Amino acid sequence: MPKATLVATLGGQPQVVTFALDLLRESGHPIAEVIVVHLHPTSVRLRDALERLECEFRGGPYCDAAIEFRFLLVRRGEDPLPDIRSKADANAVWHTFRHLFRELKGEHRAIHLCIAGGRRLLGYLAMSAALFIFDHADTIWHLYTPEAVQEQVRDGRRMHPMPGDGARLVMVPFTPLGAEFPALWSLVGPGAGPLSATPALTRARRPQDEEERHKCQEVWDRLTRRQRQVLWLIAHGLSVRDIAHRLQITDTTAKSHRRAIAGHVRAIWGLPAKSRITTRMLVHHFGPFCQHLDPP
């Protein structure tokens, strides 16, 4: 069973995180890590919520369990994001979740996403990113707490559910588009945003004819193992910088591998020696091809 991570959105109610964690553990989910995603704490309530959670996790094992814990502050560029007031802000939030989910899936984590805390739009954007990145091992949850209990636990007055509270997790039905259409996951690249779903889905369904598949296979057969790793990651939407980080190589080395791949593509496709091989072209041809391959 893969290690599981709870990703939770946070506003001013810290108990949402610990309630969700406790209920998941009671249900037998082996949560090994908790990541709390939040906006810049400009309000007293959010600052208090962060401090309350810090106390829950930093004082030693969480309820006798070794659970890793970290906060993830949403940023727009280099600046902490205090609220979601514009399309650019929404894109910053969406990309934060996209990068986080990709990082976790790269580590073969099962993800439990709890969207009960914080701004409603924060949860919507988390779900939007999850549609592209999640697979069938991942789950989205809403936390239901009866109104009477909400008053008892508000603002972290009580951080853990009790028998008879009636608090429970409600599984949110969703279709992981990235798992149903693997090329769609690959086409949500670094420049993609929440509104990219329709054209990306259309391209993901693009059939690959026999001649194109044969050319891709010829290129693949000529590559070294490292070059195959680079091409596979390009086909799955990663930038050169992301690839270098993933493979623990320098940007210069990653670019060198990409140039070698481009040379083989030119040769197989019969293109002029100085013709430009764009990332879009590589994704277009090798996205459908690589979706049927295991990672090299």
Protein backbone atom coordinates (compact mmCIF):
# COMPACT_ATOMS: atom_id res chain seq x y z
CA MET A 1 0.00 0.00 0.00
CA PRO A 2 1.49 3.40 -0.95
CA LYS A 3 2.15 5.96 1.75
CA ALA A 4 -0.78 8.35 2.08
CA THR A 5 -0.73 12.13 2.42
CA LEU A 6 -3.55 14.29 3.73
CA VAL A 7 -3.68 17.66 1.98
CA ALA A 8 -6.04 20.05 3.76
CA THR A 9 -7.08 23.62 3.03
CA LEU A 10 -7.11 25.94 6.03
CA GLY A 11 -8.89 29.11 7.08
CA GLY A 12 -9.67 30.06 10.67
CA GLN A 13 -10.81 26.64 11.87
CA PRO A 14 -7.77 24.47 12.73
CA GLN A 15 -9.86 21.57 14.02
CA VAL A 16 -10.95 20.84 10.44
CA VAL A 17 -7.49 19.42 9.79
CA THR A 18 -7.25 17.27 12.91
CA PHE A 19 -10.87 16.08 12.64
CA ALA A 20 -10.21 14.93 9.07
CA LEU A 21 -6.95 13.25 10.07
CA ASP A 22 -8.49 11.44 13.04
CA LEU A 23 -11.46 10.23 11.00
CA LEU A 24 -9.21 8.96 8.22
CA ARG A 25 -7.02 7.09 10.69
CA GLU A 26 -10.07 5.60 12.38
CA SER A 27 -11.16 4.33 8.95
CA GLY A 28 -7.84 2.53 8.51
CA HIS A 29 -6.08 4.94 6.15
CA PRO A 30 -2.31 4.92 6.88
CA ILE A 31 -1.66 8.67 6.79
CA ALA A 32 2.09 9.30 6.87
CA GLU A 33 2.09 13.03 6.11
CA VAL A 34 -0.14 16.08 6.52
CA ILE A 35 0.24 19.20 4.35
CA VAL A 36 -1.84 22.24 5.22
CA VAL A 37 -2.31 24.73 2.37
CA HIS A 38 -3.17 28.28 3.39
CA LEU A 39 -3.14 31.91 2.30
CA HIS A 40 -0.95 34.56 3.91
CA PRO A 41 -2.16 34.98 7.53
CA THR A 42 -3.30 38.59 7.62
CA SER A 43 -6.14 37.86 10.07
CA VAL A 44 -5.79 37.03 13.76
CA ARG A 45 -8.00 33.96 13.31
CA LEU A 46 -5.77 32.43 10.64
CA ARG A 47 -2.63 33.18 12.65
CA ASP A 48 -4.20 31.53 15.69
CA ALA A 49 -5.24 28.53 13.59
CA LEU A 50 -1.69 28.06 12.32
CA GLU A 51 -0.30 28.29 15.86
CA ARG A 52 -2.87 25.80 17.14
CA LEU A 53 -1.92 23.26 14.48
CA GLU A 54 1.76 23.86 15.11
CA CYS A 55 1.20 22.85 18.74
CA GLU A 56 -0.70 19.70 17.73
CA PHE A 57 2.07 18.39 15.48
CA ARG A 58 5.31 19.82 16.79
CA GLY A 59 5.04 18.65 20.38
CA GLY A 60 5.97 15.05 19.54
CA PRO A 61 4.26 12.10 17.82
CA TYR A 62 0.69 12.88 16.79
CA CYS A 63 -1.47 10.61 18.95
CA ASP A 64 1.46 8.18 19.18
CA ALA A 65 1.85 8.12 15.38
CA ALA A 66 4.90 9.34 13.45
CA ILE A 67 3.23 11.72 11.00
CA GLU A 68 5.20 14.28 9.02
CA PHE A 69 3.68 17.75 8.99
CA ARG A 70 4.23 20.93 7.03
CA PHE A 71 2.50 24.14 6.02
CA LEU A 72 2.36 25.29 2.40
CA LEU A 73 1.88 29.04 1.96
CA VAL A 74 0.35 30.05 -1.37
CA ARG A 75 2.48 32.57 -3.22
CA ARG A 76 1.99 34.66 -6.34
CA GLY A 77 5.50 34.83 -7.73
CA GLU A 78 7.72 35.55 -4.75
CA ASP A 79 5.01 37.28 -2.72
CA PRO A 80 2.73 35.55 -0.20
CA LEU A 81 -0.89 35.67 -1.39
CA PRO A 82 -3.29 37.14 1.22
CA ASP A 83 -6.54 36.51 -0.68
CA ILE A 84 -7.99 35.40 -4.01
CA ARG A 85 -9.19 38.61 -5.63
CA SER A 86 -8.39 38.15 -9.34
CA LYS A 87 -7.86 35.63 -12.09
CA ALA A 88 -4.09 35.93 -11.56
CA ASP A 89 -4.57 35.11 -7.87
CA ALA A 90 -6.73 32.11 -8.77
CA ASN A 91 -4.08 30.89 -11.21
CA ALA A 92 -1.42 31.20 -8.50
CA VAL A 93 -3.50 29.03 -6.18
CA TRP A 94 -4.23 26.51 -8.92
CA HIS A 95 -0.56 26.18 -9.81
CA THR A 96 0.33 25.75 -6.14
CA PHE A 97 -1.95 22.72 -5.93
CA ARG A 98 -0.84 21.42 -9.31
CA HIS A 99 2.84 21.47 -8.32
CA LEU A 100 2.07 19.92 -4.93
CA PHE A 101 -0.03 17.09 -6.36
CA ARG A 102 2.57 16.34 -9.04
CA GLU A 103 5.29 16.24 -6.41
CA LEU A 104 3.29 13.78 -4.32
CA LYS A 105 2.37 11.55 -7.25
CA GLY A 106 6.03 11.55 -8.28
CA GLU A 107 6.69 10.06 -4.84
CA HIS A 108 3.95 7.47 -5.45
CA ARG A 109 1.78 8.86 -2.65
CA ALA A 110 -1.93 8.24 -2.30
CA ILE A 111 -3.56 11.62 -1.69
CA HIS A 112 -6.52 12.45 0.53
CA LEU A 113 -7.68 16.01 -0.19
CA CYS A 114 -9.91 17.66 2.44
CA ILE A 115 -11.54 20.82 1.08
CA ALA A 116 -13.58 21.77 4.16
CA GLY A 117 -11.31 24.54 5.47
CA GLY A 118 -10.59 28.06 4.28
CA ARG A 119 -12.00 30.07 1.40
CA ARG A 120 -14.53 28.18 -0.69
CA LEU A 121 -12.60 29.15 -3.83
CA LEU A 122 -9.47 27.62 -2.30
CA GLY A 123 -11.26 24.27 -2.22
CA TYR A 124 -12.67 24.69 -5.73
CA LEU A 125 -9.22 25.38 -7.15
CA ALA A 126 -7.75 22.41 -5.29
CA MET A 127 -10.43 20.18 -6.83
CA SER A 128 -9.80 21.64 -10.28
CA ALA A 129 -6.09 20.77 -10.09
CA ALA A 130 -6.88 17.34 -8.64
CA LEU A 131 -9.02 16.43 -11.65
CA PHE A 132 -5.92 16.46 -13.84
CA ILE A 133 -3.34 14.94 -11.48
CA PHE A 134 -5.21 12.47 -9.27
CA ASP A 135 -5.61 8.80 -10.06
CA HIS A 136 -7.96 6.14 -8.71
CA ALA A 137 -5.92 5.78 -5.50
CA ASP A 138 -6.75 9.37 -4.49
CA THR A 139 -9.80 10.76 -2.72
CA ILE A 140 -11.48 14.12 -2.14
CA TRP A 141 -13.30 14.63 1.16
CA HIS A 142 -15.70 17.11 2.71
CA LEU A 143 -15.97 17.20 6.50
CA TYR A 144 -19.51 17.19 7.85
CA THR A 145 -19.93 18.43 11.42
CA PRO A 146 -23.40 18.91 13.00
CA GLU A 147 -24.20 22.54 13.82
CA ALA A 148 -24.31 21.90 17.57
CA VAL A 149 -20.85 20.38 17.45
CA GLN A 150 -19.55 23.21 15.28
CA GLU A 151 -20.29 25.63 18.11
CA GLN A 152 -18.47 23.43 20.62
CA VAL A 153 -15.28 23.14 18.55
CA ARG A 154 -15.21 26.53 16.81
CA ASP A 155 -11.80 28.24 16.53
CA GLY A 156 -10.03 25.15 17.82
CA ARG A 157 -11.73 25.01 21.23
CA ARG A 158 -11.67 21.26 20.71
CA MET A 159 -9.31 19.73 18.16
CA HIS A 160 -10.46 16.10 18.05
CA PRO A 161 -13.81 14.39 17.42
CA MET A 162 -15.49 12.46 20.20
CA PRO A 163 -17.75 9.40 20.01
CA GLY A 164 -21.29 10.51 19.30
CA ASP A 165 -20.28 13.85 17.76
CA GLY A 166 -21.72 12.86 14.41
CA ALA A 167 -18.71 14.30 12.59
CA ARG A 168 -17.87 12.33 9.48
CA LEU A 169 -16.06 12.55 6.19
CA VAL A 170 -18.16 12.64 3.03
CA MET A 171 -16.43 11.34 -0.08
CA VAL A 172 -16.79 13.76 -3.01
CA PRO A 173 -17.58 11.89 -6.24
CA PHE A 174 -15.25 12.88 -9.07
CA THR A 175 -13.64 11.38 -12.16
CA PRO A 176 -9.83 11.63 -12.23
CA LEU A 177 -9.48 12.80 -15.82
CA GLY A 178 -5.72 12.34 -15.78
CA ALA A 179 -6.19 8.63 -15.01
CA GLU A 180 -8.99 8.13 -17.53
CA PHE A 181 -7.10 10.02 -20.25
CA PRO A 182 -3.36 9.73 -19.45
CA ALA A 183 -2.27 12.14 -22.17
CA LEU A 184 -4.41 14.84 -20.55
CA TRP A 185 -2.16 14.74 -17.47
CA SER A 186 0.85 15.18 -19.73
CA LEU A 187 -0.66 18.13 -21.54
CA VAL A 188 -1.33 20.19 -18.43
CA GLY A 189 2.12 21.73 -18.65
CA PRO A 190 3.80 24.52 -16.69
CA GLY A 191 1.89 27.24 -18.55
CA ALA A 192 -1.54 25.65 -18.22
CA GLY A 193 -4.27 27.10 -16.06
CA PRO A 194 -7.67 26.10 -14.71
CA LEU A 195 -9.38 26.91 -18.02
CA SER A 196 -7.21 24.56 -20.09
CA ALA A 197 -9.37 21.46 -19.66
CA THR A 198 -11.43 21.48 -22.85
CA PRO A 199 -8.65 21.85 -25.48
CA ALA A 200 -6.33 19.56 -23.52
CA LEU A 201 -8.97 16.86 -23.33
CA THR A 202 -9.55 17.11 -27.07
CA ARG A 203 -5.85 16.65 -27.76
CA ALA A 204 -5.61 13.78 -25.28
CA ARG A 205 -8.14 11.83 -27.33
CA ARG A 206 -6.19 12.39 -30.55
CA PRO A 207 -5.55 8.99 -32.13
CA GLN A 208 -2.00 8.16 -33.17
CA ASP A 209 -1.75 6.48 -36.56
CA GLU A 210 0.60 3.60 -37.29
CA GLU A 211 3.16 5.69 -39.19
CA GLU A 212 3.46 8.24 -36.39
CA ARG A 213 3.69 5.54 -33.73
CA HIS A 214 6.41 3.79 -35.76
CA LYS A 215 8.45 7.01 -35.99
CA CYS A 216 8.12 7.56 -32.25
CA GLN A 217 9.28 4.00 -31.63
CA GLU A 218 12.32 4.53 -33.89
CA VAL A 219 13.29 7.62 -31.92
CA TRP A 220 12.73 5.79 -28.64
CA ASP A 221 14.92 2.86 -29.72
CA ARG A 222 17.83 5.21 -30.48
CA LEU A 223 17.81 6.92 -27.10
CA THR A 224 19.89 6.13 -24.04
CA ARG A 225 18.07 5.31 -20.82
CA ARG A 226 18.61 8.84 -19.51
CA GLN A 227 17.38 10.39 -22.75
CA ARG A 228 14.27 8.20 -22.54
CA GLN A 229 13.67 9.47 -19.02
CA VAL A 230 13.94 13.05 -20.24
CA LEU A 231 11.62 12.47 -23.21
CA TRP A 232 9.09 10.61 -21.06
CA LEU A 233 8.98 13.55 -18.65
CA ILE A 234 8.70 16.09 -21.47
CA ALA A 235 5.79 14.05 -22.85
CA HIS A 236 4.19 14.26 -19.41
CA GLY A 237 4.36 18.04 -19.36
CA LEU A 238 7.46 18.80 -17.30
CA SER A 239 9.73 21.72 -18.11
CA VAL A 240 13.51 21.32 -18.48
CA ARG A 241 13.96 22.81 -15.01
CA ASP A 242 11.41 20.41 -13.51
CA ILE A 243 13.11 17.50 -15.26
CA ALA A 244 16.53 18.50 -13.97
CA HIS A 245 15.15 18.65 -10.44
CA ARG A 246 13.34 15.30 -10.79
CA LEU A 247 16.39 13.49 -12.20
CA GLN A 248 18.85 15.34 -9.94
CA ILE A 249 20.89 16.62 -12.86
CA THR A 250 21.86 20.16 -13.88
CA ASP A 251 19.71 22.28 -16.20
CA THR A 252 22.61 22.20 -18.67
CA THR A 253 22.64 18.39 -18.71
CA ALA A 254 18.87 18.23 -19.15
CA LYS A 255 19.10 20.67 -22.07
CA SER A 256 21.88 18.56 -23.61
CA HIS A 257 19.67 15.46 -23.47
CA ARG A 258 16.80 17.43 -25.02
CA ARG A 259 19.07 18.55 -27.90
CA ALA A 260 20.07 14.94 -28.51
CA ILE A 261 16.40 13.90 -28.58
CA ALA A 262 15.61 16.72 -31.02
CA GLY A 263 18.43 15.51 -33.29
CA HIS A 264 16.92 12.03 -33.46
CA VAL A 265 13.46 13.48 -34.14
CA ARG A 266 14.81 15.53 -37.04
CA ALA A 267 16.53 12.46 -38.48
CA ILE A 268 13.47 10.16 -38.21
CA TRP A 269 11.00 12.80 -39.45
CA GLY A 270 13.37 13.89 -42.25
CA LEU A 271 13.50 17.51 -41.09
CA PRO A 272 16.24 20.07 -41.92
CA ALA A 273 19.20 20.05 -39.54
CA LYS A 274 18.43 23.55 -38.20
CA SER A 275 14.68 23.12 -37.87
CA ARG A 276 13.30 23.95 -34.42
CA ILE A 277 11.83 21.08 -32.41
CA THR A 278 9.41 22.67 -29.96
CA THR A 279 8.14 21.24 -26.71
CA ARG A 280 4.63 21.43 -28.14
CA MET A 281 5.73 19.17 -31.01
CA LEU A 282 7.32 16.65 -28.64
CA VAL A 283 4.20 16.55 -26.47
CA HIS A 284 1.96 16.29 -29.53
CA HIS A 285 3.76 13.22 -30.86
CA PHE A 286 5.13 11.55 -27.75
CA GLY A 287 2.27 12.29 -25.34
CA PRO A 288 0.02 9.61 -26.91
CA PHE A 289 3.05 7.34 -27.44
CA CYS A 290 4.40 7.53 -23.87
CA GLN A 291 1.04 7.13 -22.14
CA HIS A 292 1.27 3.40 -22.87
CA LEU A 293 4.83 3.08 -21.53
CA ASP A 294 6.04 2.51 -18.01
CA PRO A 295 8.47 5.16 -16.71
CA PRO A 296 11.95 4.24 -18.03
